[in-house]
Structures are given as structure tokens and as C-alpha cells.
N, C-alpha and C. Protein backbone atom coordinates (compact mmCIF):
# COMPACT_ATOMS: atom_id res chain seq x y z
N MET A 1 1.42 17.28 1.94
CA MET A 1 0.99 16.53 3.09
C MET A 1 1.92 16.83 4.26
N LYS A 2 1.36 17.12 5.41
CA LYS A 2 2.14 17.52 6.57
C LYS A 2 3.08 16.43 7.07
N ASN A 3 2.56 15.24 7.28
CA ASN A 3 3.34 14.15 7.84
C ASN A 3 3.93 13.26 6.77
N ASP A 4 4.33 13.85 5.66
CA ASP A 4 4.90 13.08 4.57
C ASP A 4 6.23 12.49 5.00
N LEU A 5 6.40 11.21 4.75
CA LEU A 5 7.59 10.50 5.15
C LEU A 5 8.41 10.18 3.91
N PHE A 6 9.72 10.35 3.99
CA PHE A 6 10.59 9.95 2.90
C PHE A 6 11.08 8.55 3.20
N ILE A 7 10.89 7.64 2.24
CA ILE A 7 11.22 6.24 2.43
C ILE A 7 12.37 5.87 1.51
N THR A 8 13.41 5.29 2.07
CA THR A 8 14.53 4.82 1.27
C THR A 8 14.16 3.47 0.69
N ILE A 9 14.09 3.41 -0.62
CA ILE A 9 13.73 2.17 -1.31
C ILE A 9 14.98 1.31 -1.49
N ASP A 10 15.99 1.88 -2.05
CA ASP A 10 17.30 1.25 -2.20
C ASP A 10 18.34 2.34 -1.98
N LYS A 11 19.59 2.01 -2.09
CA LYS A 11 20.65 2.97 -1.79
C LYS A 11 20.50 4.29 -2.52
N ASN A 12 20.10 4.25 -3.78
CA ASN A 12 20.08 5.46 -4.60
C ASN A 12 18.68 6.02 -4.83
N LEU A 13 17.68 5.51 -4.13
CA LEU A 13 16.31 5.94 -4.40
C LEU A 13 15.53 6.18 -3.12
N THR A 14 14.97 7.38 -3.01
CA THR A 14 14.12 7.75 -1.88
C THR A 14 12.83 8.32 -2.44
N LEU A 15 11.69 7.88 -1.87
CA LEU A 15 10.38 8.33 -2.34
C LEU A 15 9.59 8.94 -1.19
N ARG A 16 8.69 9.86 -1.55
CA ARG A 16 7.76 10.39 -0.55
C ARG A 16 6.61 9.38 -0.40
N SER A 17 6.16 9.17 0.81
CA SER A 17 5.09 8.20 1.05
C SER A 17 3.80 8.60 0.34
N SER A 18 3.57 9.89 0.15
CA SER A 18 2.35 10.34 -0.52
C SER A 18 2.35 10.03 -2.02
N ASP A 19 3.52 9.71 -2.58
CA ASP A 19 3.61 9.36 -4.00
C ASP A 19 3.33 7.89 -4.25
N ILE A 20 3.28 7.09 -3.19
CA ILE A 20 3.10 5.64 -3.34
C ILE A 20 1.62 5.30 -3.35
N LEU A 21 1.18 4.63 -4.39
CA LEU A 21 -0.20 4.17 -4.52
C LEU A 21 -0.38 2.85 -3.79
N MET A 22 0.50 1.90 -4.05
CA MET A 22 0.45 0.61 -3.37
C MET A 22 1.77 -0.12 -3.52
N LEU A 23 1.95 -1.12 -2.67
CA LEU A 23 3.12 -1.97 -2.72
C LEU A 23 2.64 -3.41 -2.85
N LYS A 24 3.28 -4.18 -3.74
CA LYS A 24 2.87 -5.57 -3.98
C LYS A 24 4.05 -6.50 -3.75
N ALA A 25 3.79 -7.59 -3.04
CA ALA A 25 4.83 -8.57 -2.76
C ALA A 25 5.07 -9.46 -3.97
N ASP A 26 6.33 -9.83 -4.15
CA ASP A 26 6.72 -10.79 -5.17
C ASP A 26 7.88 -11.60 -4.60
N ILE A 27 7.55 -12.63 -3.86
CA ILE A 27 8.49 -13.47 -3.11
C ILE A 27 9.30 -12.57 -2.17
N ASN A 28 10.60 -12.37 -2.42
CA ASN A 28 11.42 -11.52 -1.54
C ASN A 28 11.64 -10.13 -2.12
N TYR A 29 10.83 -9.74 -3.08
CA TYR A 29 10.91 -8.42 -3.68
C TYR A 29 9.59 -7.70 -3.47
N THR A 30 9.60 -6.40 -3.67
CA THR A 30 8.39 -5.60 -3.58
C THR A 30 8.30 -4.69 -4.79
N HIS A 31 7.15 -4.74 -5.47
CA HIS A 31 6.86 -3.83 -6.57
C HIS A 31 6.13 -2.63 -5.97
N ILE A 32 6.63 -1.44 -6.21
CA ILE A 32 6.04 -0.22 -5.68
C ILE A 32 5.40 0.52 -6.84
N LEU A 33 4.09 0.70 -6.78
CA LEU A 33 3.35 1.41 -7.81
C LEU A 33 3.16 2.85 -7.35
N LEU A 34 3.54 3.79 -8.19
CA LEU A 34 3.47 5.21 -7.84
C LEU A 34 2.24 5.84 -8.46
N GLU A 35 1.86 7.00 -7.94
CA GLU A 35 0.65 7.67 -8.41
C GLU A 35 0.72 8.09 -9.87
N ASP A 36 1.91 8.31 -10.38
CA ASP A 36 2.06 8.71 -11.79
C ASP A 36 2.03 7.52 -12.75
N GLY A 37 1.84 6.31 -12.23
CA GLY A 37 1.74 5.12 -13.06
C GLY A 37 3.04 4.36 -13.21
N SER A 38 4.14 4.91 -12.74
CA SER A 38 5.42 4.20 -12.85
C SER A 38 5.55 3.15 -11.74
N LYS A 39 6.50 2.24 -11.94
CA LYS A 39 6.74 1.16 -10.99
C LYS A 39 8.20 1.13 -10.60
N VAL A 40 8.46 0.73 -9.36
CA VAL A 40 9.82 0.59 -8.86
C VAL A 40 9.92 -0.78 -8.21
N LEU A 41 11.04 -1.47 -8.42
CA LEU A 41 11.27 -2.77 -7.82
C LEU A 41 12.29 -2.62 -6.71
N SER A 42 11.97 -3.18 -5.54
CA SER A 42 12.88 -3.13 -4.40
C SER A 42 13.20 -4.54 -3.94
N SER A 43 14.40 -4.72 -3.45
CA SER A 43 14.81 -6.03 -2.94
C SER A 43 14.39 -6.22 -1.48
N ARG A 44 13.70 -5.27 -0.92
CA ARG A 44 13.19 -5.39 0.46
C ARG A 44 11.81 -6.04 0.45
N THR A 45 11.48 -6.70 1.53
CA THR A 45 10.20 -7.41 1.61
C THR A 45 9.08 -6.46 2.01
N LEU A 46 7.86 -6.91 1.81
CA LEU A 46 6.68 -6.13 2.15
C LEU A 46 6.62 -5.86 3.66
N GLY A 47 7.06 -6.81 4.46
CA GLY A 47 7.06 -6.64 5.91
C GLY A 47 7.92 -5.48 6.38
N ILE A 48 9.05 -5.28 5.72
CA ILE A 48 9.93 -4.16 6.06
C ILE A 48 9.23 -2.84 5.78
N PHE A 49 8.58 -2.75 4.62
CA PHE A 49 7.86 -1.52 4.28
C PHE A 49 6.66 -1.32 5.21
N GLU A 50 6.01 -2.38 5.61
CA GLU A 50 4.87 -2.26 6.51
C GLU A 50 5.29 -1.62 7.83
N ARG A 51 6.43 -2.01 8.36
CA ARG A 51 6.93 -1.42 9.62
C ARG A 51 7.30 0.05 9.43
N ARG A 52 7.88 0.40 8.27
CA ARG A 52 8.27 1.79 8.01
C ARG A 52 7.07 2.71 7.82
N LEU A 53 5.99 2.17 7.29
CA LEU A 53 4.80 2.98 6.98
C LEU A 53 3.75 2.91 8.07
N PHE A 54 4.11 2.44 9.24
CA PHE A 54 3.16 2.19 10.32
C PHE A 54 2.29 3.41 10.67
N ASN A 55 2.87 4.57 10.82
CA ASN A 55 2.12 5.77 11.23
C ASN A 55 1.59 6.59 10.06
N GLN A 56 1.65 6.04 8.88
CA GLN A 56 1.17 6.71 7.67
C GLN A 56 -0.18 6.12 7.27
N PRO A 57 -0.89 6.74 6.33
CA PRO A 57 -2.22 6.24 5.92
C PRO A 57 -2.13 5.03 4.99
N PHE A 58 -1.43 3.99 5.43
CA PHE A 58 -1.29 2.77 4.66
C PHE A 58 -1.94 1.63 5.42
N PHE A 59 -2.44 0.64 4.67
CA PHE A 59 -3.09 -0.52 5.28
C PHE A 59 -2.75 -1.75 4.46
N ARG A 60 -2.59 -2.87 5.16
CA ARG A 60 -2.29 -4.14 4.49
C ARG A 60 -3.55 -5.01 4.49
N PRO A 61 -4.34 -4.96 3.40
CA PRO A 61 -5.61 -5.68 3.36
C PRO A 61 -5.47 -7.19 3.20
N ASN A 62 -4.34 -7.64 2.72
CA ASN A 62 -4.06 -9.06 2.62
C ASN A 62 -2.54 -9.25 2.68
N ARG A 63 -2.09 -10.47 2.61
CA ARG A 63 -0.67 -10.70 2.83
C ARG A 63 0.24 -10.29 1.68
N SER A 64 -0.33 -9.92 0.54
CA SER A 64 0.52 -9.60 -0.61
C SER A 64 0.46 -8.14 -1.06
N VAL A 65 -0.30 -7.28 -0.37
CA VAL A 65 -0.45 -5.90 -0.82
C VAL A 65 -0.52 -4.95 0.38
N ILE A 66 0.06 -3.77 0.21
CA ILE A 66 -0.14 -2.64 1.13
C ILE A 66 -0.67 -1.51 0.27
N ILE A 67 -1.77 -0.89 0.71
CA ILE A 67 -2.37 0.20 -0.07
C ILE A 67 -2.25 1.53 0.68
N ASN A 68 -2.22 2.59 -0.10
CA ASN A 68 -2.28 3.94 0.47
C ASN A 68 -3.76 4.31 0.52
N LEU A 69 -4.29 4.51 1.71
CA LEU A 69 -5.72 4.78 1.88
C LEU A 69 -6.15 6.09 1.23
N ASN A 70 -5.22 6.98 0.99
CA ASN A 70 -5.55 8.24 0.33
C ASN A 70 -5.94 8.04 -1.14
N TYR A 71 -5.56 6.91 -1.73
CA TYR A 71 -5.88 6.63 -3.13
C TYR A 71 -7.01 5.62 -3.27
N MET A 72 -7.64 5.26 -2.18
CA MET A 72 -8.79 4.35 -2.24
C MET A 72 -10.00 5.14 -2.71
N VAL A 73 -10.72 4.60 -3.72
CA VAL A 73 -11.88 5.33 -4.24
C VAL A 73 -13.20 4.63 -3.93
N GLY A 74 -13.14 3.37 -3.49
CA GLY A 74 -14.38 2.68 -3.17
C GLY A 74 -14.14 1.40 -2.41
N PHE A 75 -15.22 0.90 -1.78
CA PHE A 75 -15.14 -0.35 -1.03
C PHE A 75 -16.47 -1.06 -1.15
N GLN A 76 -16.43 -2.29 -1.61
CA GLN A 76 -17.62 -3.12 -1.70
C GLN A 76 -17.64 -4.03 -0.48
N LYS A 77 -18.42 -3.63 0.52
CA LYS A 77 -18.41 -4.31 1.82
C LYS A 77 -18.86 -5.76 1.71
N ASP A 78 -19.89 -6.03 0.91
CA ASP A 78 -20.40 -7.39 0.81
C ASP A 78 -19.41 -8.35 0.14
N LEU A 79 -18.57 -7.85 -0.78
CA LEU A 79 -17.60 -8.69 -1.48
C LEU A 79 -16.19 -8.58 -0.90
N HIS A 80 -15.99 -7.66 0.04
CA HIS A 80 -14.68 -7.40 0.63
C HIS A 80 -13.65 -7.03 -0.45
N ILE A 81 -14.03 -6.07 -1.29
CA ILE A 81 -13.14 -5.62 -2.36
C ILE A 81 -12.90 -4.12 -2.24
N ILE A 82 -11.65 -3.72 -2.32
CA ILE A 82 -11.24 -2.32 -2.26
C ILE A 82 -10.89 -1.88 -3.67
N GLU A 83 -11.44 -0.74 -4.09
CA GLU A 83 -11.12 -0.19 -5.41
C GLU A 83 -10.14 0.96 -5.23
N MET A 84 -9.06 0.90 -5.99
CA MET A 84 -8.02 1.92 -5.90
C MET A 84 -8.16 2.93 -7.03
N GLY A 85 -7.43 4.02 -6.94
CA GLY A 85 -7.49 5.10 -7.92
C GLY A 85 -7.06 4.71 -9.31
N ASN A 86 -6.28 3.64 -9.43
CA ASN A 86 -5.85 3.17 -10.75
C ASN A 86 -6.79 2.07 -11.28
N ASN A 87 -7.99 1.98 -10.72
CA ASN A 87 -9.03 1.01 -11.09
C ASN A 87 -8.67 -0.43 -10.76
N GLU A 88 -7.67 -0.64 -9.94
CA GLU A 88 -7.30 -1.99 -9.52
C GLU A 88 -8.17 -2.40 -8.33
N LEU A 89 -8.60 -3.65 -8.33
CA LEU A 89 -9.43 -4.18 -7.25
C LEU A 89 -8.56 -5.05 -6.35
N ILE A 90 -8.64 -4.79 -5.04
CA ILE A 90 -7.83 -5.49 -4.05
C ILE A 90 -8.77 -6.26 -3.13
N ASN A 91 -8.48 -7.54 -2.92
CA ASN A 91 -9.28 -8.36 -2.00
C ASN A 91 -8.88 -8.07 -0.56
N LEU A 92 -9.88 -7.92 0.29
CA LEU A 92 -9.67 -7.72 1.71
C LEU A 92 -9.87 -9.05 2.41
N SER A 93 -8.87 -9.50 3.15
CA SER A 93 -9.01 -10.78 3.84
C SER A 93 -10.02 -10.65 4.98
N ARG A 94 -10.69 -11.73 5.29
CA ARG A 94 -11.69 -11.71 6.36
C ARG A 94 -11.06 -11.37 7.70
N ARG A 95 -9.84 -11.84 7.91
CA ARG A 95 -9.14 -11.57 9.17
C ARG A 95 -8.88 -10.08 9.39
N ARG A 96 -8.69 -9.34 8.32
CA ARG A 96 -8.33 -7.92 8.45
C ARG A 96 -9.50 -6.98 8.21
N ALA A 97 -10.67 -7.53 7.97
CA ALA A 97 -11.84 -6.70 7.65
C ALA A 97 -12.24 -5.79 8.80
N LYS A 98 -12.26 -6.30 10.01
CA LYS A 98 -12.66 -5.49 11.17
C LYS A 98 -11.70 -4.32 11.39
N GLN A 99 -10.42 -4.62 11.29
CA GLN A 99 -9.40 -3.57 11.45
C GLN A 99 -9.50 -2.53 10.34
N PHE A 100 -9.80 -2.98 9.12
CA PHE A 100 -9.94 -2.08 7.99
C PHE A 100 -11.12 -1.13 8.18
N LEU A 101 -12.24 -1.67 8.62
CA LEU A 101 -13.44 -0.85 8.82
C LEU A 101 -13.22 0.21 9.89
N LYS A 102 -12.39 -0.07 10.87
CA LYS A 102 -12.04 0.93 11.89
C LYS A 102 -11.19 2.05 11.31
N ARG A 103 -10.30 1.69 10.37
CA ARG A 103 -9.42 2.68 9.77
C ARG A 103 -10.12 3.63 8.82
N ILE A 104 -11.15 3.13 8.12
CA ILE A 104 -11.83 4.01 7.17
C ILE A 104 -13.03 4.56 7.85
């Protein structure tokens, strides 16, 4: 990927943005799910990652998840559900639906 960004997760860990499938909030921590199925836990909040990934193909469909749009495989418009490459279903909030439809 041309505009691949390297993101520092913690002091000893840096990941390419294209390797990230999604990020999930857990209070003041973030679970990072990678394309290979592995998971990484970071002590940074989802908001910090959202600002870092601003110019990348990432979208925050609700307040607890950020998804990589490159791994989205389907969208059920009537139910506001996004299907990801790992078969996980993500709810799209009504507030962010219009912005999401512009992005895809």
C-alpha cells in the first residue's frame, strides 16, 4: 500500500496500518485485531488512534470500534450492519450513517 502508515502502539511495538483489521475500545484500553487473527492490547484510548488514522482508510462506525474499510466485505443498509473480513458484524450508529455512506 502506497500510503501505509506505521503506528506506534506502545514503546516496543509498531504496526503497519494496512495490517490492522479493527480496533475495539475497552474502557481506557484498545484491543487491536490484526489481519492474521492475532490481537494486541494497547493502553492508549480509541480516540488517540482515531486521530492518528485520520487520513487512512479507517472509519469509526460507533463509539467503541474503528474499522479498516479495506477489510469490509459487506453492508446491510436496512439494518445498519457492517460485515468485516473476519465475519464479525459491526453496528453502524444512526448518527454516523450519512458520513459512512459518503466514505464507501
